[in-house]
Structure formats: structure tokens, C-alpha cells
Protein backbone atom coordinates (compact mmCIF):
# COMPACT_ATOMS: atom_id res chain seq x y z
CA MET A 1 19.62 235.54 -45.99
CA PRO A 2 19.75 236.17 -49.75
CA LEU A 3 17.61 233.85 -51.83
CA VAL A 4 17.61 232.91 -55.49
CA SER A 5 14.15 231.84 -56.63
CA SER A 6 12.47 230.92 -59.90
CA ARG A 7 9.53 233.13 -58.80
CA PRO A 8 10.98 236.41 -57.46
CA MET A 9 7.52 237.91 -56.89
CA LEU A 10 6.76 235.26 -54.29
CA SER A 11 9.89 235.84 -52.24
CA SER A 12 8.29 238.86 -50.61
CA MET A 13 5.27 236.79 -49.61
CA ARG A 14 7.12 233.79 -48.25
CA ARG A 15 9.97 233.36 -45.72
CA VAL A 16 12.01 230.21 -46.20
CA PRO A 17 13.48 228.68 -42.98
CA ARG A 18 17.06 229.89 -42.40
CA LEU A 19 19.76 227.40 -43.49
CA THR A 20 23.37 227.43 -42.24
CA THR A 21 25.28 225.33 -44.80
CA LEU A 22 28.42 225.37 -46.96
CA SER A 23 28.91 225.32 -50.68
CA LEU A 24 29.58 221.93 -52.24
CA ALA A 25 32.64 223.43 -53.82
CA MET A 26 34.21 223.66 -50.35
CA LEU A 27 33.98 219.89 -49.99
CA ALA A 28 36.73 219.41 -52.56
CA VAL A 29 38.94 221.76 -50.55
CA ALA A 30 38.21 219.75 -47.41
CA CYS A 31 39.11 216.48 -49.08
CA GLU A 32 42.35 217.96 -50.41
CA SER A 33 43.26 219.25 -46.94
CA ARG A 34 43.10 215.72 -45.55
CA ARG A 35 46.43 215.10 -47.20
CA LEU A 36 47.98 217.46 -44.67
CA PHE A 37 47.11 215.00 -41.89
CA ASP A 38 47.95 211.60 -43.32
CA PRO A 39 46.64 208.99 -40.85
CA GLU A 40 49.46 206.68 -41.90
CA THR A 41 51.82 208.91 -39.91
CA LEU A 42 49.85 208.53 -36.69
CA TYR A 43 51.42 206.01 -34.36
CA THR A 44 49.26 203.17 -33.12
CA SER A 45 49.40 201.49 -29.75
CA PRO A 46 51.31 198.21 -29.41
CA ASP A 47 50.23 194.59 -29.32
CA PRO A 48 49.23 193.49 -25.78
CA SER A 49 52.36 191.37 -25.37
CA MET A 50 54.85 193.61 -27.18
CA PRO A 51 56.57 196.73 -25.82
CA TRP A 52 55.86 200.14 -27.29
CA VAL A 53 58.71 201.90 -29.06
CA PRO A 54 58.73 205.72 -29.09
CA PRO A 55 58.69 207.16 -32.62
CA SER A 56 61.77 208.66 -34.16
CA PRO A 57 61.64 212.32 -35.28
CA GLY A 58 60.82 211.22 -38.84
CA ASP A 59 57.85 209.03 -37.96
CA GLY A 60 55.17 211.65 -38.66
CA ALA A 61 52.50 213.63 -36.93
CA LEU A 62 53.02 212.32 -33.40
CA ALA A 63 56.71 213.16 -33.42
CA ARG A 64 55.89 216.68 -34.65
CA ARG A 65 53.37 217.08 -31.84
CA LEU A 66 55.97 215.93 -29.33
CA ALA A 67 58.44 218.43 -30.68
CA ALA A 68 55.81 221.17 -30.40
CA ALA A 69 55.04 220.09 -26.84
CA SER A 70 58.71 220.35 -25.96
CA ALA A 71 59.18 223.75 -27.58
CA GLN A 72 56.04 225.43 -26.23
CA GLY A 73 55.12 225.83 -22.61
CA ASP A 74 57.26 223.02 -21.17
CA GLU A 75 59.53 224.21 -18.39
CA ARG A 76 61.44 220.89 -18.27
CA THR A 77 63.32 221.12 -21.53
CA ASP A 78 66.06 218.84 -20.19
CA ALA A 79 63.70 215.85 -20.31
CA PRO A 80 64.16 213.70 -23.41
CA ILE A 81 61.35 213.85 -25.95
CA ALA A 82 61.48 210.21 -27.03
CA PRO A 83 63.62 208.14 -24.64
CA ILE A 84 64.13 204.47 -25.56
CA ALA A 85 64.70 202.01 -22.72
CA PRO A 86 67.56 199.57 -23.40
CA TRP A 87 65.39 196.52 -22.98
CA ILE A 88 62.91 197.40 -25.76
CA VAL A 89 63.08 195.31 -28.92
CA PRO A 90 62.88 197.59 -32.01
CA MET A 91 59.62 197.36 -33.90
CA PRO A 92 58.80 198.24 -37.54
CA ALA A 93 58.45 201.91 -38.43
CA ALA A 94 55.01 203.35 -37.73
CA SER A 95 54.63 204.49 -41.33
CA ASP A 96 54.77 200.91 -42.58
CA ARG A 97 51.31 199.70 -41.69
CA ARG A 98 51.70 196.28 -43.23
CA ALA A 99 54.98 195.67 -41.46
CA ALA A 100 53.48 196.88 -38.18
CA GLY A 101 50.55 194.57 -38.71
CA SER A 102 52.88 191.61 -39.05
CA VAL A 103 54.38 192.13 -35.59
CA ALA A 104 51.55 190.19 -33.96
CA ASP A 105 52.09 187.32 -36.41
CA ASP A 106 55.81 187.29 -35.64
CA ALA A 107 55.06 187.28 -31.93
CA ALA A 108 52.64 184.39 -32.39
CA GLY A 109 55.33 182.48 -34.27
CA ALA A 110 57.80 183.14 -31.49
CA SER A 111 55.26 181.89 -28.97
CA ALA A 112 54.83 178.68 -30.96
CA THR A 113 58.60 178.22 -30.95
CA VAL A 114 58.70 178.64 -27.17
CA ALA A 115 55.85 176.17 -26.81
CA GLU A 116 57.70 173.60 -28.90
CA ARG A 117 60.83 174.13 -26.83
CA GLY A 118 59.09 174.20 -23.47
CA GLY A 119 56.71 171.27 -23.93
CA ASP A 120 52.95 170.82 -24.25
CA ARG A 121 50.35 173.16 -22.87
CA ASP A 122 47.05 172.36 -21.24
CA SER A 123 43.59 173.33 -22.50
CA SER A 124 43.83 176.80 -20.92
CA GLY A 125 47.00 177.57 -22.83
CA ALA A 126 49.20 177.44 -19.74
CA PRO A 127 52.37 175.35 -19.71
CA ALA A 128 51.53 171.73 -18.94
CA ALA A 129 51.97 170.44 -15.40
CA ALA A 130 55.04 168.37 -16.36
CA THR A 131 57.57 171.20 -16.13
CA ALA A 132 57.49 174.87 -17.01
CA SER A 133 60.57 177.02 -17.43
CA LEU A 134 60.79 180.63 -16.38
CA ALA A 135 60.82 181.74 -20.03
CA ASP A 136 57.62 179.77 -20.73
CA LEU A 137 55.82 181.32 -17.78
CA ILE A 138 56.91 184.85 -18.66
CA ASP A 139 55.74 184.36 -22.24
CA PHE A 140 52.39 183.05 -21.03
CA ALA A 141 51.96 185.86 -18.48
CA LEU A 142 52.62 188.61 -21.01
CA ARG A 143 49.85 187.23 -23.20
CA ASN A 144 47.31 186.32 -20.53
CA ASN A 145 47.79 188.47 -17.43
CA PRO A 146 44.83 190.90 -17.21
CA ALA A 147 47.17 193.73 -16.22
CA THR A 148 48.83 193.76 -19.65
CA ARG A 149 45.48 193.81 -21.45
CA LEU A 150 44.24 196.57 -19.15
CA GLU A 151 47.17 198.87 -19.89
CA TRP A 152 47.08 197.99 -23.58
CA GLU A 153 43.44 199.00 -23.84
CA ARG A 154 44.24 202.23 -22.01
CA ALA A 155 46.94 202.92 -24.57
CA LYS A 156 44.46 202.21 -27.36
CA ALA A 157 42.00 204.59 -25.71
CA ALA A 158 44.67 207.30 -25.59
CA GLU A 159 45.36 206.67 -29.26
CA GLY A 160 41.67 207.12 -30.00
CA GLU A 161 41.64 210.38 -28.05
CA LEU A 162 44.53 211.65 -30.18
CA GLY A 163 42.54 210.79 -33.29
CA VAL A 164 39.54 212.70 -31.95
CA VAL A 165 41.67 215.77 -31.30
CA GLU A 166 43.41 215.60 -34.68
CA SER A 167 40.01 215.47 -36.40
CA ARG A 168 39.32 219.02 -35.23
CA TYR A 169 41.68 220.32 -37.90
CA PHE A 170 39.24 219.11 -40.56
CA PRO A 171 36.01 220.82 -41.63
CA THR A 172 32.68 219.34 -40.60
CA LEU A 173 30.14 218.44 -43.26
CA ASN A 174 26.54 217.94 -42.25
CA ALA A 175 23.53 216.90 -44.34
CA ILE A 176 20.12 218.30 -43.35
CA GLY A 177 16.67 217.33 -44.53
CA PHE A 178 13.33 218.76 -43.46
CA GLY A 179 9.67 218.55 -44.35
CA GLY A 180 6.36 219.62 -42.95
CA LEU A 181 3.27 221.81 -43.28
CA ASP A 182 3.83 225.56 -43.45
CA GLN A 183 1.24 228.25 -42.76
CA GLN A 184 1.84 232.00 -42.65
CA GLY A 185 -0.37 235.06 -42.54
CA LEU A 186 0.42 238.44 -44.05
CA ALA A 187 -1.35 241.65 -45.02
CA SER A 188 -1.55 242.76 -48.64
CA THR A 189 -3.66 244.96 -50.92
CA GLU A 190 -6.08 242.06 -51.23
CA GLY A 191 -6.65 241.76 -47.51
CA ARG A 192 -5.11 239.44 -44.91
CA GLU A 193 -3.85 236.46 -46.83
CA ILE A 194 -3.11 232.96 -45.56
CA ILE A 195 -0.32 230.93 -47.17
CA ARG A 196 -0.63 227.24 -46.47
CA GLY A 197 1.01 224.13 -47.94
CA PRO A 198 3.55 221.32 -47.55
CA ILE A 199 7.26 222.08 -47.81
CA VAL A 200 10.27 219.78 -48.20
CA GLY A 201 13.93 220.60 -48.58
CA GLY A 202 17.51 219.75 -47.79
CA ALA A 203 20.94 221.27 -47.50
CA LEU A 204 24.61 220.61 -46.90
CA GLU A 205 26.36 222.43 -44.07
CA LEU A 206 30.09 222.88 -43.79
CA ASN A 207 31.97 224.60 -41.02
CA TRP A 208 35.75 224.98 -40.84
CA VAL A 209 37.59 226.56 -37.94
CA LEU A 210 40.38 228.58 -39.50
CA LEU A 211 41.87 230.31 -36.49
CA ASP A 212 41.51 229.47 -32.81
CA PHE A 213 44.76 230.99 -31.48
CA GLY A 214 46.35 227.71 -30.41
CA ARG A 215 43.42 225.78 -28.95
CA ARG A 216 43.71 222.79 -31.28
CA ASP A 217 47.50 222.84 -31.26
CA ALA A 218 47.51 222.64 -27.46
CA GLN A 219 44.86 219.92 -27.44
CA SER A 220 46.75 217.90 -30.03
CA ALA A 221 50.08 218.21 -28.22
CA ALA A 222 48.41 217.28 -24.92
CA ALA A 223 46.75 214.23 -26.46
CA ALA A 224 50.05 213.16 -28.05
CA SER A 225 51.79 213.45 -24.67
CA ALA A 226 48.96 211.49 -23.04
CA LEU A 227 49.44 208.73 -25.62
CA VAL A 228 53.18 208.66 -24.91
CA ALA A 229 52.46 208.45 -21.18
CA ALA A 230 49.96 205.62 -21.71
CA ASN A 231 52.44 203.71 -23.85
CA PHE A 232 55.22 204.12 -21.30
CA SER A 233 52.82 202.99 -18.57
CA PHE A 234 52.07 199.96 -20.71
CA ASN A 235 55.81 199.28 -20.97
CA ARG A 236 56.20 199.49 -17.21
CA THR A 237 53.30 197.08 -16.79
CA LEU A 238 55.11 194.58 -19.00
CA GLN A 239 58.18 194.96 -16.79
CA THR A 240 56.05 194.59 -13.68
CA VAL A 241 54.49 191.38 -14.95
CA VAL A 242 57.92 189.96 -15.80
CA PHE A 243 59.23 191.01 -12.38
CA GLU A 244 56.29 189.47 -10.52
CA VAL A 245 56.63 186.19 -12.41
CA GLN A 246 60.37 186.10 -11.69
CA GLN A 247 59.81 186.84 -8.01
CA ALA A 248 57.09 184.20 -7.72
CA TYR A 249 59.20 181.67 -9.63
CA PHE A 250 62.27 182.21 -7.45
CA ASP A 251 60.13 182.18 -4.32
CA LEU A 252 58.54 178.87 -5.31
CA ASP A 253 61.94 177.40 -6.12
CA SER A 254 63.23 178.43 -2.69
CA ARG A 255 60.14 176.94 -1.01
CA ILE A 256 60.72 173.67 -2.85
CA ALA A 257 64.38 173.82 -1.79
CA LEU A 258 63.26 174.32 1.82
CA GLN A 259 60.99 171.31 1.41
CA VAL A 260 63.95 169.28 0.18
CA ALA A 261 65.99 170.55 3.13
CA ALA A 262 63.16 169.52 5.48
CA GLU A 263 63.23 166.04 3.94
CA GLN A 264 66.97 165.89 4.58
CA ASP A 265 66.36 167.03 8.15
CA LEU A 266 63.81 164.24 8.55
CA ASP A 267 66.31 161.68 7.23
CA THR A 268 68.91 162.99 9.66
CA ALA A 269 66.47 162.83 12.56
CA ALA A 270 65.42 159.30 11.60
CA THR A 271 69.04 158.14 11.42
CA GLN A 272 69.68 159.76 14.75
CA ALA A 273 66.63 158.09 16.33
CA GLU A 274 67.79 154.70 15.04
CA ALA A 275 71.23 155.24 16.57
CA VAL A 276 69.69 156.12 19.93
CA GLU A 277 67.42 153.08 19.68
CA GLU A 278 70.44 150.83 19.10
CA ARG A 279 72.28 152.27 22.10
CA LEU A 280 69.14 151.97 24.22
CA ASN A 281 68.79 148.29 23.33
CA ALA A 282 72.46 147.78 24.14
CA GLY A 283 72.01 149.45 27.51
CA LEU A 284 74.24 152.37 26.57
CA ALA A 285 71.51 155.04 26.38
CA THR A 286 68.77 156.12 28.74
CA MET A 287 65.05 156.47 28.15
CA PRO A 288 65.25 160.30 28.24
CA ASP A 289 67.77 160.10 25.38
CA HIS A 290 65.31 157.96 23.44
CA LEU A 291 62.41 160.35 24.12
CA GLN A 292 64.46 163.36 23.04
CA ALA A 293 65.36 161.65 19.77
CA GLN A 294 61.71 160.78 19.14
CA GLN A 295 60.72 164.35 19.92
CA ARG A 296 63.23 165.61 17.37
CA LEU A 297 61.94 163.11 14.79
CA THR A 298 58.34 164.26 15.33
CA LYS A 299 59.36 167.91 14.95
CA ALA A 300 61.16 167.10 11.70
CA ARG A 301 57.98 165.51 10.37
CA PHE A 302 56.00 168.59 11.38
CA ASP A 303 58.51 170.90 9.69
CA LEU A 304 58.31 168.83 6.51
CA GLU A 305 54.53 169.17 6.32
CA ALA A 306 54.82 172.91 6.92
CA ALA A 307 57.37 173.16 4.09
CA ARG A 308 55.05 171.25 1.78
CA SER A 309 52.21 173.63 2.63
CA ASP A 310 54.45 176.61 1.92
CA ALA A 311 55.35 175.14 -1.48
CA ILE A 312 51.66 174.79 -2.35
CA THR A 313 51.11 178.43 -1.36
CA GLY A 314 54.04 179.44 -3.56
CA ARG A 315 52.53 177.58 -6.52
CA ALA A 316 49.27 179.47 -6.05
CA ALA A 317 51.16 182.78 -6.01
CA LEU A 318 53.00 181.85 -9.21
CA ALA A 319 49.73 180.86 -10.89
CA ARG A 320 48.25 184.24 -9.98
CA ALA A 321 51.33 186.05 -11.30
CA VAL A 322 50.97 184.45 -14.73
CA GLY A 323 47.24 185.18 -14.86
CA LEU A 324 45.76 181.83 -13.79
CA SER A 325 43.54 180.84 -10.89
CA ALA A 326 45.15 179.77 -7.62
CA GLU A 327 44.12 176.13 -7.95
CA THR A 328 46.20 175.72 -11.12
CA TRP A 329 49.09 173.36 -10.38
CA ILE A 330 52.36 174.52 -11.93
CA GLU A 331 55.43 172.32 -11.77
CA ILE A 332 58.52 174.39 -12.47
CA GLU A 333 61.97 173.49 -13.69
CA ARG A 334 64.26 173.67 -10.69
CA LEU A 335 67.01 176.24 -10.84
CA GLY A 336 69.53 173.91 -9.22
CA ASP A 337 72.97 175.43 -8.76
CA LEU A 338 72.19 178.57 -10.71
CA PRO A 339 75.36 180.63 -11.22
CA ILE A 340 75.68 183.66 -9.00
CA PRO A 341 75.06 186.88 -10.96
CA ASP A 342 78.19 188.69 -12.02
CA GLY A 343 79.56 191.61 -10.09
CA PHE A 344 78.62 195.20 -10.74
CA GLU A 345 80.11 196.90 -13.75
CA SER A 346 79.25 200.38 -12.49
CA GLY A 347 78.65 202.16 -9.24
CA VAL A 348 75.30 202.87 -7.67
CA ASP A 349 75.38 206.51 -8.81
CA LEU A 350 75.64 205.51 -12.46
CA MET A 351 72.89 202.93 -11.97
CA ILE A 352 70.58 205.57 -10.51
CA GLU A 353 71.35 207.90 -13.40
CA GLU A 354 70.62 205.14 -15.91
CA ALA A 355 67.36 204.27 -14.17
CA LEU A 356 66.21 207.90 -14.21
CA SER A 357 66.80 208.08 -17.96
CA SER A 358 65.36 204.70 -18.93
CA ARG A 359 62.54 203.72 -16.58
CA PRO A 360 59.22 203.87 -18.42
CA ASP A 361 57.25 205.09 -15.41
CA VAL A 362 59.58 208.09 -15.05
CA GLN A 363 59.22 208.86 -18.74
CA ALA A 364 55.46 208.55 -18.35
CA ARG A 365 55.65 211.21 -15.64
CA VAL A 366 57.68 213.41 -17.97
CA ALA A 367 54.97 213.00 -20.61
CA ARG A 368 52.31 213.91 -18.04
CA VAL A 369 54.19 217.12 -17.26
CA ARG A 370 54.20 217.93 -20.98
CA GLU A 371 50.50 217.17 -21.19
CA ALA A 372 49.77 219.45 -18.23
CA ALA A 373 51.80 222.25 -19.84
CA GLN A 374 49.68 221.95 -22.99
CA ARG A 375 46.50 222.05 -20.91
CA VAL A 376 47.68 225.42 -19.60
CA ARG A 377 48.14 226.62 -23.19
CA GLU A 378 44.66 225.41 -24.02
CA ALA A 379 43.18 227.25 -21.02
CA GLU A 380 44.98 230.46 -22.03
CA ALA A 381 43.78 230.15 -25.63
CA ALA A 382 40.18 229.97 -24.41
CA PHE A 383 40.32 233.76 -23.86
CA ALA A 384 40.88 234.36 -27.60
CA PRO A 385 38.22 234.48 -30.37
CA ILE A 386 37.51 231.79 -32.95
CA VAL A 387 37.35 232.51 -36.67
CA SER A 388 35.67 229.96 -38.92
CA LEU A 389 34.54 229.60 -42.50
CA SER A 390 30.94 228.51 -42.88
CA GLY A 391 28.46 228.25 -45.65
CA ALA A 392 25.50 226.42 -47.09
CA VAL A 393 24.00 225.08 -50.26
CA GLY A 394 20.48 223.72 -50.39
CA GLY A 395 16.93 224.44 -51.30
CA ALA A 396 13.26 223.91 -50.58
CA ASP A 397 10.28 222.92 -52.68
CA GLN A 398 6.77 224.01 -51.69
CA ASP A 399 3.35 223.43 -53.18
CA TYR A 400 1.17 225.99 -51.39
CA ARG A 401 -2.18 227.73 -51.63
CA VAL A 402 -2.88 231.44 -51.02
CA THR A 403 -6.32 232.45 -49.68
CA ASN A 404 -7.73 235.41 -47.80
CA GLN A 405 -9.74 235.31 -44.62
CA PRO A 406 -13.46 234.52 -45.04
CA GLY A 407 -15.73 237.52 -44.68
CA ALA A 408 -13.08 240.05 -45.53
CA PRO A 409 -14.22 243.10 -47.55
CA PHE A 410 -12.19 241.90 -50.50
CA PRO A 411 -12.96 239.55 -53.35
CA PRO A 412 -12.32 235.90 -52.51
CA LEU A 413 -8.75 234.80 -53.21
CA ASP A 414 -7.69 231.23 -53.98
CA ARG A 415 -4.39 230.72 -55.81
CA ARG A 416 -2.00 227.77 -56.05
CA TYR A 417 1.77 227.97 -56.49
CA ASP A 418 4.57 225.45 -56.94
CA ALA A 419 7.86 227.09 -55.99
CA SER A 420 11.42 225.81 -55.96
CA MET A 421 13.69 227.96 -53.83
CA PRO A 422 17.44 227.18 -53.98
CA SER A 423 19.70 228.97 -51.52
CA TYR A 424 23.36 229.27 -50.77
CA PHE A 425 25.59 231.10 -48.37
CA VAL A 426 29.32 231.37 -47.70
CA GLY A 427 31.18 233.66 -45.33
CA LEU A 428 33.45 234.11 -42.34
CA ARG A 429 32.20 233.87 -38.80
CA ALA A 430 33.93 235.25 -35.71
CA SER A 431 32.99 234.28 -32.18
CA TRP A 432 34.42 235.81 -29.03
CA LEU A 433 33.12 234.86 -25.63
CA LEU A 434 33.33 238.00 -23.50
CA PHE A 435 31.94 236.82 -20.18
CA ASP A 436 31.18 233.36 -18.83
CA GLY A 437 30.98 233.86 -15.10
CA PHE A 438 34.78 233.58 -14.67
CA SER A 439 34.72 229.96 -15.81
CA ARG A 440 37.82 230.39 -17.98
CA GLU A 441 39.76 232.00 -15.15
CA ALA A 442 38.91 229.07 -12.91
CA ALA A 443 39.89 226.60 -15.65
CA LEU A 444 43.25 228.35 -16.03
CA ARG A 445 43.90 228.16 -12.29
CA GLN A 446 43.02 224.48 -12.40
CA ALA A 447 45.40 223.84 -15.31
CA LEU A 448 48.24 225.67 -13.57
CA ALA A 449 47.70 223.68 -10.38
CA GLU A 450 47.62 220.41 -12.32
CA ARG A 451 50.89 221.33 -14.03
CA ARG A 452 52.52 221.97 -10.67
CA ALA A 453 51.10 218.70 -9.36
CA ALA A 454 52.46 216.81 -12.37
CA ALA A 455 55.90 218.34 -11.80
CA ALA A 456 55.77 217.38 -8.13
CA ALA A 457 54.74 213.83 -9.05
CA LEU A 458 57.72 213.64 -11.39
CA ASP A 459 60.08 214.78 -8.65
CA ALA A 460 58.59 212.23 -6.25
CA SER A 461 58.94 209.50 -8.86
CA ARG A 462 62.62 210.36 -9.34
CA LEU A 463 63.20 210.15 -5.59
CA ASP A 464 61.44 206.78 -5.47
CA VAL A 465 63.62 205.49 -8.30
CA SER A 466 66.78 206.59 -6.51
CA ASN A 467 65.70 204.91 -3.28
CA GLU A 468 64.66 201.68 -5.03
CA VAL A 469 67.93 201.38 -6.95
CA TRP A 470 69.97 202.22 -3.86
CA ALA A 471 68.19 199.64 -1.68
CA ALA A 472 68.29 196.88 -4.33
CA TYR A 473 71.95 197.58 -5.07
CA PHE A 474 73.11 197.13 -1.49
CA ASP A 475 70.75 194.20 -0.87
CA LEU A 476 72.32 192.43 -3.82
CA ARG A 477 75.84 193.29 -2.72
CA ALA A 478 75.12 191.98 0.79
CA ALA A 479 73.49 188.81 -0.59
CA ARG A 480 76.55 188.08 -2.73
CA VAL A 481 78.76 188.14 0.36
CA GLN A 482 76.27 186.25 2.54
CA ILE A 483 75.93 183.35 0.12
CA GLU A 484 79.66 182.68 0.31
CA PHE A 485 79.46 182.54 4.10
CA GLY A 486 76.29 180.45 3.86
CA GLU A 487 78.03 177.82 1.77
CA ALA A 488 80.96 177.77 4.21
CA LEU A 489 78.54 177.54 7.15
CA LEU A 490 76.78 174.52 5.61
CA ARG A 491 80.07 172.70 5.04
CA ALA A 492 81.23 173.40 8.58
CA SER A 493 77.88 172.38 10.08
CA GLN A 494 77.85 169.12 8.10
CA ASP A 495 81.38 168.26 9.22
CA ALA A 496 80.56 169.14 12.82
CA TYR A 497 77.44 167.00 12.81
CA ASP A 498 79.23 164.02 11.28
CA SER A 499 81.91 164.28 13.94
CA VAL A 500 79.43 164.58 16.82
CA PHE A 501 77.32 161.73 15.46
CA GLU A 502 80.31 159.39 15.31
CA GLY A 503 81.34 160.51 18.78
CA TYR A 504 77.84 159.78 20.09
CA ARG A 505 77.85 156.29 18.59
CA MET A 506 81.19 155.66 20.28
CA GLY A 507 79.88 156.98 23.60
CA LEU A 508 82.07 160.07 23.60
CA ARG A 509 79.30 162.65 23.10
CA THR A 510 75.92 163.11 24.76
CA ILE A 511 72.49 163.24 23.17
CA THR A 512 72.40 166.95 23.90
CA ASP A 513 75.54 167.48 21.82
CA LEU A 514 74.01 165.47 19.00
CA LEU A 515 70.73 167.41 19.02
CA GLU A 516 72.55 170.73 19.04
CA ALA A 517 74.72 169.67 16.10
CA GLU A 518 71.65 168.51 14.21
CA SER A 519 69.86 171.81 14.89
CA ASP A 520 72.87 173.74 13.61
CA LEU A 521 72.94 171.62 10.45
CA ASP A 522 69.22 172.14 9.82
CA SER A 523 69.63 175.88 10.33
CA ALA A 524 72.61 176.01 7.95
CA ARG A 525 70.64 174.22 5.23
CA SER A 526 67.68 176.60 5.44
CA THR A 527 69.98 179.62 5.74
CA LEU A 528 71.77 178.77 2.50
CA VAL A 529 68.46 178.25 0.70
CA ARG A 530 67.09 181.58 1.90
CA THR A 531 70.34 183.39 1.13
CA ARG A 532 70.33 182.09 -2.44
CA ALA A 533 66.67 183.13 -2.77
CA ASP A 534 67.52 186.58 -1.40
CA LEU A 535 70.33 186.87 -3.94
CA LEU A 536 68.06 186.06 -6.88
CA SER A 537 65.32 188.31 -5.53
CA ALA A 538 67.70 191.23 -5.07
CA SER A 539 69.05 190.68 -8.58
CA VAL A 540 65.63 190.95 -10.23
CA ARG A 541 64.64 193.83 -7.95
CA LEU A 542 67.68 195.77 -9.07
CA ALA A 543 66.91 195.07 -12.72
CA TYR A 544 63.29 196.11 -12.19
CA ALA A 545 64.33 199.25 -10.32
CA MET A 546 66.57 200.20 -13.24
CA GLY A 547 63.82 199.64 -15.80
CA ALA A 548 65.21 196.46 -17.35
CA ALA A 549 63.20 193.35 -18.20
CA THR A 550 65.73 190.81 -16.91
CA PRO A 551 68.68 190.93 -14.49
């Protein structure tokens, strides 16, 4: 390496340790180049309780990476680059950092408004045991369910990975310092001389990859697609949490309704037992009639306790869905005579098509296919060379002593020197890996297989979506018809029981007729409750299958 020294005559006697560094002048170029990759244009992951919104084409670096991913190496060009699900609430533009930072504050304010509307909350932050509406519980679950935090942190990790990859476009600057004791021996006209003394120095290294034939572009596009996939997965997790809370809420409401129906059955059985008791005392009924009535009364009490136990189990399931322990007691607002959901505005085919274009998990699969395609590009680029600009600026300072070996046939030599040796270097460096034991070939085969696997997973996901929408659609349609018959069945069963009961009191019907009519009435009550629960469940399942937050 060329050296510039204040004592040229000593450079032939002394070898300074080799330094690989870059000129300080290159640092200004590196700082200026940072403007090409403005971090303000990089999209950040969402708040744990807020959905992620894909960037528009003008939102900066991530959108450009997505466009590059779509244009290069992606066989599925029909897939949308930045699909927006209908249920997502628009968020501030990614370039407005202050506005984006205020989203969490706005969400906190909205939460406070819900809390004021829904009542007090206990010390854990959950809705108080008085009553909790479905909206309150969904709001609480989105903020406290571990699943939302898990997916949010994964999205943040994917964002960090994108930042790591984007940093590879910048030069690296490294500061080096060294010090120690140096001793060298060399032959000269004055005999074999020994150079000994302390040395200290430092340097700045800079290395900048100028050309890598698409490695960094592929890595950046893959990381951007991975971030999109993570954000869509986060969105689907939000939908899943909402769906699970809705299902648990409706299930608990139906269990409470069954408990109420069991209480009505107990009242009916008690009234019936009293009527039999009166007829028995009047000599108009037999002891077997009395025993049958008491048996029915005991069974009604048993069924009521079972219904109460089921309601407690439903409360535990709801507590788990919102992110609380099972022993948390949640008292919900009863749905009452909730209106039946409206009829379908479109056919099942259009619903399936809408679900395929809007469901976040499908779009996450699309992003994974794009990521896998970029991994193939990266593996192919590994066969190409790398050209980089590197250089150094630094120096060393040494206070050393030159002596010759004792007993040599030369006059004794003892000299002292104080040398300052600045150095610099700048140049281009090319590196081309020619053989690595076929590692790159194996990596390429792996990337190709992973791309095919990602495409197959996308196809499987689309089939699952079609099946889920189809099943939920016809379950809901059947439930809408069944609830009408269930209401008619309850009215008919109530009228039949009233008629049989009056006939029994008048001695025109037997106890067997009365018990059968009571059993039919009990069955009609529970059937209507379960049918209404099935209707609500099918409604939210269809909304969830289509990628919507609410039915």
C-alpha cells in the first residue's frame, strides 16, 4: 500500500500494518446519498388496536418496492398490489409522521367515549360486571387480547427487517484504533538490525457496494412484501378477535335464553304439579298421575341447574375471548328481540368473489408469493459479482529504537526515531465467488420450491375461502327460514298446551296428554332459542368469511 511519510528514508526500514479505510471526503457523499432513501417515506406498522392500511402509490419507498415486486419475477400479475378491505378505516398518510403519531391518541379518546357510554370499568380495565355491551367487549378485546399484540409485534419485526435491508444501500463507515509494541528484524549494511518500539494509530474505513446485480433490490422487495403480509395477517387477527367475541357473546346470550326457558319450563311443571295435586285431593286423579307430575317437576329443576351451569361456561368462554381469565364474571346486555338480519343483496358467487379480493389472509398469501418470487431473484443474483468502492484514511505514530544484534562484526548501533506515518487509499473492489461447493445452486432450488409452495398455499387459501363463504351463506339462508317456523312452532305449542291443560283440569284429558304437551312446549322454546342463536352465528360467520369486521 502506498505510504506518505514525513521520513521517507525510514519507509524502507519499517512496514506499517495494512489499513483498509475510506477517505473522509467520501463521508460527505454518503450523507448526501441518504436523501435518496428518506425514512419518512417508509411505512410503519399500525397501532395494536388499529387496522393497517396499505399505502397508496404515492406513499414512498414501500409502494415503489411493491411496484418493483409486481413487475419483476412475479407470475401472478393479476393479484392486486395494494388491496384495501372495505371494513378498514382510513388512516393518515404514512408521510405525515405527526398525524400518524396522533392515531393512537385518537383511538384512546374513542375508547374513553365508549367507556363513558358503556359504563364503569373494573380495576383490570374490563367492562364492569353491571352490564357490558357487545361494542364495549370488542373494544376491550382489541386492546387487550394477546393475539392482537402478538401479530402487531410481528408486523413491527417485519418493519424492522425492511429497515435492515434498506440500510444495505448506504455505505458503511467504520472507525479503527490500534496500539501495541512493534518489533521487526531486517538486514542492512550495518548488520542485522532490530527495530523496536510502541506504535499507536487509527483510521476510518468506508465501504460502499455500487453494483450487486439485483441482490439488494430483490432483498428489499422481498422484505417489503413480507411487511405487507405481516400487516395483512395483523388485520385478519383483528377480524378474528372481533369474530370470536361476537360468537362468544351470542353463544352466552343463547345460553342465558335457554336458562330463562328452563325457568319457564320449571314454572310450567310446578303449575302442572299443583293441578294434579288438586285433582288428587279431590279424588279425581290417581297416585301414578301425581308421581308422574312430581317426576316432571324434578326433571325441570335438573334442567334448570344444567342451563345455569352452561351459562357459567359461556361466560368463561367470553372472558377468554376478550383476553381475560376464565373466572372473570361478565354480565352482558341481553340482545332481546334482535331484528333478523336483512336478506342477501347479492348471490353467493358475488360474495365469494368479493371475499377473494378483500380478505386480508388471502392478500397476505399473495404477498408471500411476491416475497418468494423475490427470493428467487436474490438466489439468481448470488451467481453474479459484487463491485464496491472502498478506501481508507488514517495514520500511525511510532517512537522506536534501532539497534543491531550484540556481538555482530559491526559497530554498535543505537538510534531513536519518532515517526508519523499518515496513509490513505481509495479504489474499486470486485469480488466474484467462483465455487462454493454448489451452495448457490442448492439455495436456488430451495427458493424455487418455496415459490411453488407459496403459490400452492395461495390456491388452497382461495379454495378455503370459497368453501367458508358457501357454507356460511347457506347456513344463514336456512336459519332465516327456520326461525320463522320456530316462532310458529312455539305459538302452536303454547296454544296446544293451554288447551290440553284446561282439558285435563276439566277431566277431559289424561296426565299423559298433559306431559306430552308440556314436553312439546319445552322443546319449542329451546328450539326457537337455538334457531335464533344459529341465525346470529351464521350471520357473523358469513361476515368473517367475507373479510368484514361486522355482519
